[in-house]
Protein backbone atom coordinates (compact mmCIF):
# COMPACT_ATOMS: atom_id res chain seq x y z
CA UNK A 1 11.61 -28.03 0.27
CA UNK A 2 8.04 -25.51 0.09
CA UNK A 3 7.31 -22.88 -3.14
CA UNK A 4 7.39 -19.53 -0.75
CA UNK A 5 5.61 -15.65 -2.21
CA UNK A 6 7.18 -12.97 -0.47
CA UNK A 7 5.78 -9.57 -0.51
CA UNK A 8 8.32 -6.83 -1.26
CA UNK A 9 7.65 -3.32 0.26
CA UNK A 10 8.29 -3.59 4.44
CA UNK A 11 9.29 -7.23 4.07
CA UNK A 12 13.12 -6.57 2.05
CA UNK A 13 13.09 -2.50 2.54
CA UNK A 14 11.27 0.36 3.39
CA UNK A 15 12.03 3.68 1.26
CA UNK A 16 14.51 1.83 0.10
CA UNK A 17 16.45 0.91 3.21
CA UNK A 18 17.57 -2.67 3.22
CA UNK A 19 15.30 -4.60 6.01
CA UNK A 20 18.74 -6.05 7.93
CA UNK A 21 18.91 -9.83 7.18
CA UNK A 22 15.98 -10.37 4.42
CA UNK A 23 18.41 -10.23 1.85
CA UNK A 24 20.77 -13.08 3.70
CA UNK A 25 17.49 -14.37 4.24
CA UNK A 26 16.15 -15.35 0.59
CA UNK A 27 20.26 -16.56 -0.60
CA UNK A 28 19.18 -19.52 2.36
CA UNK A 29 15.64 -20.04 0.91
CA UNK A 30 17.59 -20.30 -2.34
CA UNK A 31 20.18 -22.88 -0.91
CA UNK A 32 16.97 -24.23 0.54
CA UNK A 33 16.13 -25.52 -3.08
CA UNK A 34 12.32 -23.35 -2.34
CA UNK A 35 11.23 -22.07 -5.54
CA UNK A 36 10.32 -18.12 -4.98
CA UNK A 37 7.98 -15.84 -6.45
CA UNK A 38 7.95 -11.92 -5.34
CA UNK A 39 4.47 -10.87 -5.11
CA UNK A 40 4.04 -6.97 -4.78
CA UNK A 41 1.54 -4.15 -4.32
CA UNK A 42 3.95 -1.92 -5.30
CA UNK A 43 2.28 0.48 -8.09
CA UNK A 44 5.50 3.31 -8.54
CA UNK A 45 8.08 1.20 -10.46
CA UNK A 46 8.24 -1.13 -13.35
CA UNK A 47 8.91 -4.42 -12.30
CA UNK A 48 12.85 -4.35 -14.11
CA UNK A 49 13.60 -1.46 -11.95
CA UNK A 50 12.22 -3.40 -9.13
CA UNK A 51 15.00 -5.90 -9.72
CA UNK A 52 17.35 -3.41 -9.98
CA UNK A 53 16.34 -1.34 -6.60
CA UNK A 54 16.82 -5.52 -4.84
CA UNK A 55 19.76 -6.29 -6.48
CA UNK A 56 21.10 -3.00 -5.32
CA UNK A 57 20.29 -3.74 -1.67
CA UNK A 58 21.66 -7.14 -2.00
CA UNK A 59 18.87 -9.62 -2.90
CA UNK A 60 19.64 -11.80 -5.54
CA UNK A 61 16.39 -11.37 -7.89
CA UNK A 62 15.40 -11.62 -11.13
CA UNK A 63 12.70 -9.74 -12.56
CA UNK A 64 10.75 -12.33 -14.26
CA UNK A 65 10.60 -13.50 -10.64
CA UNK A 66 8.43 -10.91 -9.79
CA UNK A 67 4.96 -10.25 -10.15
CA UNK A 68 3.33 -6.68 -10.77
CA UNK A 69 0.08 -5.34 -10.65
CA UNK A 70 0.69 -3.15 -13.42
CA UNK A 71 1.82 -6.52 -15.50
CA UNK A 72 -2.13 -8.60 -14.30
CA UNK A 73 -3.85 -4.49 -14.75
CA UNK A 74 -2.19 -4.67 -18.20
CA UNK A 75 -3.73 -8.20 -19.26
CA UNK A 76 -6.88 -7.33 -17.46
CA UNK A 77 -7.52 -4.05 -19.23
CA UNK A 78 -5.81 -5.78 -22.78
CA UNK A 79 -7.36 -3.91 -25.85
CA UNK A 80 -9.25 -1.15 -23.65
CA UNK A 81 -8.96 2.57 -23.77
CA UNK A 82 -7.55 3.68 -20.10
CA UNK A 83 -7.77 6.67 -18.64
CA UNK A 84 -4.57 6.13 -16.24
CA UNK A 85 -4.84 8.05 -12.93
CA UNK A 86 -0.78 5.94 -12.03
CA UNK A 87 2.72 7.71 -11.67
CA UNK A 88 4.66 7.74 -14.99
CA UNK A 89 7.48 4.96 -14.06
CA UNK A 90 4.75 1.82 -14.34
CA UNK A 91 2.61 3.03 -17.54
CA UNK A 92 5.47 1.25 -20.28
CA UNK A 93 4.29 -1.65 -18.10
CA UNK A 94 0.46 -1.16 -18.96
CA UNK A 95 0.94 0.40 -22.78
CA UNK A 96 2.23 -3.02 -23.65
CA UNK A 97 -1.55 -4.28 -23.39
CA UNK A 98 -3.00 -1.43 -23.06
CA UNK A 99 -4.39 2.15 -24.85
CA UNK A 100 -3.59 4.81 -22.44
CA UNK A 101 -6.10 7.69 -23.29
CA UNK A 102 -7.25 11.24 -21.90
CA UNK A 103 -10.31 10.96 -22.99
CA UNK A 104 -13.25 8.44 -23.87
CA UNK A 105 -12.26 5.00 -21.50
CA UNK A 106 -13.59 1.62 -21.62
CA UNK A 107 -11.75 1.88 -17.70
CA UNK A 108 -10.42 4.38 -15.39
CA UNK A 109 -7.66 3.32 -13.46
CA UNK A 110 -5.39 3.68 -10.35
CA UNK A 111 -2.44 3.09 -8.80
CA UNK A 112 -1.11 3.60 -5.73
CA UNK A 113 0.98 6.56 -4.21
CA UNK A 114 5.03 7.20 -3.90
CA UNK A 115 7.00 9.71 -1.82
CA UNK A 116 7.43 12.34 -4.44
CA UNK A 117 4.87 15.21 -5.54
CA UNK A 118 4.10 13.10 -8.14
CA UNK A 119 1.18 11.71 -6.39
CA UNK A 120 -0.24 15.11 -5.89
CA UNK A 121 -0.31 15.69 -9.72
CA UNK A 122 -1.34 12.07 -10.36
CA UNK A 123 -4.24 12.11 -7.80
CA UNK A 124 -5.18 16.03 -8.69
CA UNK A 125 -8.63 16.93 -7.91
CA UNK A 126 -9.04 17.68 -11.61
CA UNK A 127 -7.90 14.44 -12.64
CA UNK A 128 -9.88 12.44 -9.99
CA UNK A 129 -13.17 14.92 -12.07
CA UNK A 130 -12.20 13.38 -15.47
CA UNK A 131 -12.26 9.74 -13.79
CA UNK A 132 -15.83 10.65 -12.20
CA UNK A 133 -16.66 12.00 -15.57
CA UNK A 134 -15.57 9.49 -17.29
CA UNK A 135 -16.83 7.01 -14.43
CA UNK A 136 -20.26 8.63 -15.15
CA UNK A 137 -20.19 7.82 -18.83
CA UNK A 138 -20.09 4.09 -18.08
CA UNK A 139 -16.43 3.33 -17.40
CA UNK A 140 -15.17 0.40 -15.04
CA UNK A 141 -13.32 1.38 -12.28
CA UNK A 142 -10.36 -0.92 -11.61
CA UNK A 143 -7.42 -0.32 -9.20
CA UNK A 144 -4.37 -1.49 -8.90
CA UNK A 145 -5.29 -1.86 -4.99
CA UNK A 146 -6.34 -0.43 -2.03
CA UNK A 147 -4.30 -0.01 0.45
CA UNK A 148 -5.34 2.38 3.55
CA UNK A 149 -2.00 3.46 4.56
CA UNK A 150 1.16 2.31 3.78
CA UNK A 151 4.74 2.38 6.01
CA UNK A 152 7.56 4.86 4.16
CA UNK A 153 10.65 5.31 6.58
CA UNK A 154 9.27 8.64 7.12
CA UNK A 155 6.14 6.76 9.23
CA UNK A 156 1.99 5.90 7.63
CA UNK A 157 1.75 7.15 4.84
CA UNK A 158 -1.98 8.28 3.25
CA UNK A 159 -2.24 5.26 0.08
CA UNK A 160 -5.09 5.34 -2.47
CA UNK A 161 -7.24 3.63 -1.53
CA UNK A 162 -8.93 7.22 -0.16
CA UNK A 163 -9.73 7.96 -3.05
CA UNK A 164 -10.94 4.69 -4.91
CA UNK A 165 -13.21 4.84 -2.19
CA UNK A 166 -14.13 8.08 -2.66
CA UNK A 167 -14.76 8.08 -6.33
CA UNK A 168 -16.99 4.43 -5.55
CA UNK A 169 -18.88 6.86 -3.59
CA UNK A 170 -19.13 9.62 -5.91
CA UNK A 171 -19.43 7.59 -8.89
CA UNK A 172 -21.67 4.90 -7.62
CA UNK A 173 -19.49 2.09 -9.08
CA UNK A 174 -17.61 -0.90 -6.79
CA UNK A 175 -13.83 -1.05 -7.77
CA UNK A 176 -12.30 -4.34 -9.38
CA UNK A 177 -9.25 -5.02 -8.10
CA UNK A 178 -5.94 -6.68 -9.37
CA UNK A 179 -3.50 -7.15 -6.43
CA UNK A 180 -3.02 -8.34 -3.49
CA UNK A 181 -5.52 -9.67 -1.40
CA UNK A 182 -7.24 -10.68 -4.60
CA UNK A 183 -7.81 -14.69 -5.37
CA UNK A 184 -6.81 -14.01 -9.32
CA UNK A 185 -3.60 -12.45 -8.16
CA UNK A 186 -2.45 -14.83 -6.05
CA UNK A 187 -3.40 -17.85 -8.09
CA UNK A 188 -1.47 -15.81 -11.02
CA UNK A 189 2.11 -16.42 -8.49
CA UNK A 190 1.12 -20.17 -7.55
CA UNK A 191 0.91 -20.95 -11.27
CA UNK A 192 3.92 -19.51 -12.25
CA UNK A 193 5.84 -21.70 -9.18
CA UNK A 194 3.44 -24.45 -10.75
CA UNK A 195 2.01 -25.44 -7.62
CA UNK A 196 -1.30 -26.03 -5.32
CA UNK A 197 -1.93 -23.54 -2.18
CA UNK A 198 -1.59 -26.08 -0.36
CA UNK A 199 2.30 -26.35 -1.00
CA UNK A 200 2.69 -22.35 -0.47
CA UNK A 201 3.73 -20.56 2.06
CA UNK A 202 2.78 -15.96 1.57
CA UNK A 203 5.39 -14.55 3.92
CA UNK A 204 4.24 -10.60 4.50
CA UNK A 205 4.07 -7.69 7.04
CA UNK A 206 -0.11 -6.98 5.56
CA UNK A 207 -2.37 -8.77 8.17
CA UNK A 208 -5.08 -7.81 5.15
CA UNK A 209 -3.74 -8.13 1.89
CA UNK A 210 -0.04 -10.48 2.98
CA UNK A 211 -2.06 -12.98 5.54
CA UNK A 212 -6.00 -12.51 4.70
CA UNK A 213 -5.84 -13.38 1.28
CA UNK A 214 -3.10 -15.80 1.28
CA UNK A 215 -5.21 -17.95 4.57
CA UNK A 216 -7.98 -18.11 2.19
CA UNK A 217 -6.89 -19.73 -0.71
CA UNK A 218 -5.94 -22.49 1.41
CA UNK A 219 -2.05 -21.45 1.50
CA UNK A 220 0.27 -21.16 5.18
CA UNK A 221 0.97 -17.80 5.66
CA UNK A 222 3.18 -16.49 8.17
CA UNK A 223 3.28 -12.80 9.28
CA UNK A 224 6.43 -10.58 9.76
CA UNK A 225 7.39 -7.53 12.02
CA UNK A 226 8.98 -5.38 9.79
CA UNK A 227 7.14 -2.78 7.20
CA UNK A 228 3.85 -1.78 7.99
CA UNK A 229 3.25 -4.31 11.05
CA UNK A 230 1.59 -3.20 14.29
CA UNK A 231 0.50 -5.35 17.71
CA UNK A 232 -2.94 -3.92 17.89
CA UNK A 233 -3.83 -4.72 14.82
CA UNK A 234 -2.71 -8.59 14.93
CA UNK A 235 -4.70 -8.37 17.94
CA UNK A 236 -8.06 -6.81 16.42
CA UNK A 237 -7.72 -9.02 13.39
CA UNK A 238 -9.71 -11.68 13.00
CA UNK A 239 -6.85 -13.66 10.62
CA UNK A 240 -4.74 -15.39 11.97
CA UNK A 241 -1.22 -16.32 10.59
CA UNK A 242 0.57 -19.74 10.77
CA UNK A 243 3.59 -17.79 12.36
CA UNK A 244 4.62 -14.63 13.47
CA UNK A 245 8.39 -13.79 13.06
CA UNK A 246 10.14 -11.02 13.90
CA UNK A 247 11.66 -10.85 9.99
CA UNK A 248 11.88 -13.10 7.12
CA UNK A 249 15.83 -13.58 7.88
CA UNK A 250 13.69 -15.88 10.74
CA UNK A 251 12.18 -18.22 7.63
CA UNK A 252 14.29 -21.09 7.40
CA UNK A 253 14.25 -21.85 10.64
CA UNK A 254 11.36 -21.66 11.28
CA UNK A 255 10.20 -23.79 7.52
CA UNK A 256 12.91 -26.35 8.98
CA UNK A 257 10.94 -26.75 12.50
CA UNK A 258 7.48 -27.06 10.16
CA UNK A 259 8.99 -29.18 7.86
């Protein structure tokens, strides 16, 4: 039996459309008594909503099994005044620990993009300019992730990493990253399962955030050919996954062979 960390977007679904066999794969992993933790850089839905959406497509999951970057950021910025350029849906998760403000911030927090017009409002010129001013006044720059792009049913779309890089350049600062591939984020998930990195397997579709982050901690890492997976990206990367599978549906069989 192994502890398994599972990415959500691109591994279990793409734009809400389930990956064929993903739900059945999770059920088989549970039947094999593997310990599961779902780790995601999704920054557009609260944890409870993520769990509801996954159950709606047949994935058996409890919200407490999900590790999200908004919750991690709230803990990191506990007690601080935060200018949050994030989707409205995740603000309650942040407000559990941090005070969200429009000015006089201790920190500027950038979330991620979604497929709605809200993205244009969150990352508008005026909002980015406000963030620039706060950074000039001494606020720290924190981002939930710095992904360059993400995969949707319409194809690849620009993600928030471009805005993070722009503010770093303009304000002359370096952003603190909360989500994958940071060591702290993976370690938090492993601590929740009570396991060491050598006893865990990470499953994801992102060669950098999922595979690279996991391998840096000494975890085994499995790349799936769904979501944002691209053969040329894998070929060009220095990261070497322990396995490349067609989808998470193939993971139970791989684990059985690798045991």
